[in-house]
Protein backbone atom coordinates (compact mmCIF):
# COMPACT_ATOMS: atom_id res chain seq x y z
CA UNK A 1 -17.33 11.44 -38.63
CA UNK A 2 -20.78 10.04 -39.45
CA UNK A 3 -23.34 8.63 -37.06
CA UNK A 4 -22.41 5.00 -37.76
CA UNK A 5 -18.71 5.68 -37.08
CA UNK A 6 -19.55 7.48 -33.84
CA UNK A 7 -21.71 4.58 -32.69
CA UNK A 8 -19.01 2.01 -33.53
CA UNK A 9 -16.35 4.10 -31.76
CA UNK A 10 -18.55 4.42 -28.66
CA UNK A 11 -19.28 0.69 -28.70
CA UNK A 12 -15.57 -0.14 -28.98
CA UNK A 13 -14.73 2.18 -26.07
CA UNK A 14 -17.47 0.62 -23.94
CA UNK A 15 -16.25 -2.89 -24.82
CA UNK A 16 -12.75 -1.91 -23.71
CA UNK A 17 -14.07 -0.68 -20.36
CA UNK A 18 -16.09 -3.85 -19.85
CA UNK A 19 -13.08 -6.02 -20.74
CA UNK A 20 -10.88 -4.14 -18.24
CA UNK A 21 -13.45 -4.26 -15.44
CA UNK A 22 -12.89 -7.92 -14.41
CA UNK A 23 -9.14 -7.38 -13.96
CA UNK A 24 -9.73 -4.28 -11.84
CA UNK A 25 -12.49 -6.02 -9.90
CA UNK A 26 -10.30 -9.07 -9.32
CA UNK A 27 -7.42 -6.92 -8.04
CA UNK A 28 -9.74 -5.01 -5.72
CA UNK A 29 -11.34 -8.23 -4.40
CA UNK A 30 -7.85 -9.47 -3.53
CA UNK A 31 -7.18 -6.37 -1.44
CA UNK A 32 -6.96 -6.98 2.31
CA UNK A 33 -9.39 -4.97 4.46
CA UNK A 34 -8.66 -1.44 5.59
CA UNK A 35 -8.36 -0.93 9.35
CA UNK A 36 -8.57 2.28 11.36
CA UNK A 37 -6.55 3.08 14.47
CA UNK A 38 -7.36 6.50 15.91
CA UNK A 39 -7.34 8.75 12.86
CA UNK A 40 -5.06 6.53 10.74
CA UNK A 41 -6.54 4.22 8.11
CA UNK A 42 -4.18 1.46 7.03
CA UNK A 43 -3.89 -1.87 5.21
CA UNK A 44 -1.35 -4.65 5.63
CA UNK A 45 -0.89 -7.64 3.41
CA UNK A 46 0.51 -8.67 0.09
CA UNK A 47 0.72 -12.41 0.64
CA UNK A 48 0.32 -14.23 -2.65
CA UNK A 49 0.53 -12.84 -6.15
CA UNK A 50 -3.01 -11.41 -6.45
CA UNK A 51 -2.91 -9.69 -3.07
CA UNK A 52 0.57 -8.28 -3.72
CA UNK A 53 -0.59 -6.86 -7.07
CA UNK A 54 -3.69 -5.36 -5.43
CA UNK A 55 -1.60 -3.73 -2.70
CA UNK A 56 0.83 -2.23 -5.23
CA UNK A 57 -2.07 -0.89 -7.34
CA UNK A 58 -3.57 0.74 -4.24
CA UNK A 59 -0.29 2.33 -3.06
CA UNK A 60 -1.03 5.66 -4.76
CA UNK A 61 -4.11 6.14 -2.55
CA UNK A 62 -1.99 6.19 0.62
CA UNK A 63 0.58 8.84 1.61
CA UNK A 64 2.82 6.13 3.11
CA UNK A 65 3.74 2.74 1.72
CA UNK A 66 6.22 0.45 3.45
CA UNK A 67 7.74 -2.77 2.15
CA UNK A 68 9.46 -5.39 4.30
CA UNK A 69 12.18 -7.59 2.79
CA UNK A 70 14.74 -10.19 3.80
CA UNK A 71 18.17 -9.76 2.27
CA UNK A 72 18.67 -13.01 0.42
CA UNK A 73 19.18 -14.24 -3.11
CA UNK A 74 16.57 -13.87 -4.38
CA UNK A 75 15.13 -11.20 -2.07
CA UNK A 76 12.28 -12.51 0.08
CA UNK A 77 9.24 -10.62 1.31
CA UNK A 78 8.54 -10.67 5.04
CA UNK A 79 5.37 -10.90 7.11
CA UNK A 80 4.63 -10.51 10.83
CA UNK A 81 6.56 -7.26 11.23
CA UNK A 82 5.73 -5.12 14.29
CA UNK A 83 5.33 -1.50 13.19
CA UNK A 84 5.08 1.66 15.27
CA UNK A 85 4.69 5.09 13.70
CA UNK A 86 5.10 8.13 15.94
CA UNK A 87 4.56 11.79 15.10
CA UNK A 88 7.00 14.65 15.78
CA UNK A 89 5.55 15.09 19.29
CA UNK A 90 6.41 11.47 20.10
CA UNK A 91 2.79 10.29 20.17
CA UNK A 92 2.15 6.89 18.60
CA UNK A 93 -0.20 7.29 15.63
CA UNK A 94 -0.12 3.63 14.56
CA UNK A 95 0.94 0.42 16.25
CA UNK A 96 0.22 -2.69 14.19
CA UNK A 97 1.56 -5.98 12.96
CA UNK A 98 2.01 -6.08 9.20
CA UNK A 99 0.57 -9.45 8.22
CA UNK A 100 2.30 -9.26 4.85
CA UNK A 101 5.20 -7.51 3.17
CA UNK A 102 3.27 -4.26 2.55
CA UNK A 103 1.81 -1.67 4.88
CA UNK A 104 -0.14 1.29 3.50
CA UNK A 105 -1.15 4.16 5.81
CA UNK A 106 -3.14 7.35 5.43
CA UNK A 107 -1.21 9.82 7.57
CA UNK A 108 -1.65 13.60 7.55
CA UNK A 109 1.24 15.80 6.44
CA UNK A 110 4.01 15.98 9.03
CA UNK A 111 7.23 14.49 10.37
CA UNK A 112 7.23 10.93 11.67
CA UNK A 113 9.42 8.13 12.94
CA UNK A 114 8.75 4.51 12.04
CA UNK A 115 10.15 1.54 13.95
CA UNK A 116 9.83 -1.92 12.39
CA UNK A 117 10.75 -5.09 14.28
CA UNK A 118 11.26 -8.49 12.72
CA UNK A 119 12.81 -11.52 14.37
CA UNK A 120 13.83 -9.42 17.38
CA UNK A 121 15.72 -6.83 15.31
CA UNK A 122 14.37 -3.27 15.17
CA UNK A 123 15.11 -0.75 12.46
CA UNK A 124 13.85 2.80 12.54
CA UNK A 125 14.00 5.97 10.49
CA UNK A 126 12.42 9.35 10.19
CA UNK A 127 10.31 10.39 7.25
CA UNK A 128 8.11 13.25 6.12
CA UNK A 129 4.64 13.11 4.65
CA UNK A 130 4.07 16.11 2.37
CA UNK A 131 0.84 16.96 0.56
CA UNK A 132 0.58 15.18 -2.80
CA UNK A 133 3.98 13.48 -2.38
CA UNK A 134 3.63 9.81 -1.41
CA UNK A 135 6.48 8.33 0.62
CA UNK A 136 7.72 4.77 0.01
CA UNK A 137 10.01 3.14 2.57
CA UNK A 138 11.75 -0.21 2.35
CA UNK A 139 13.05 -2.10 5.37
CA UNK A 140 15.45 -4.94 4.76
CA UNK A 141 16.82 -7.41 7.31
């Protein structure tokens, strides 16, 4: 490969990065803020197309992702879900209201129980966070 080819290849690669940057930047700017409760960092949201896309793109950065749905045709996403996550010792690690259909949480490895309440109906289940193995839960009412 000669010097001119190398320069053109580098320029094309750079142009591709620059072209992709606005889409990434737009998705990140649509991301709701991260909150911290005790030692748990979390995000809730996903209202609107851009915010939902941003939340889904960020899922891999959080050991736990939870999605809240209403059983209907077509399926509807829910907001205003009360969420409590407790560890194996029964201590509450997170108590929050999910303002959108997605909740992402950075929890350390361990066994947990999550309780989600929507419209007066509570559903709960146990789950395990393992190192390098994200957990995705879906609650449907």
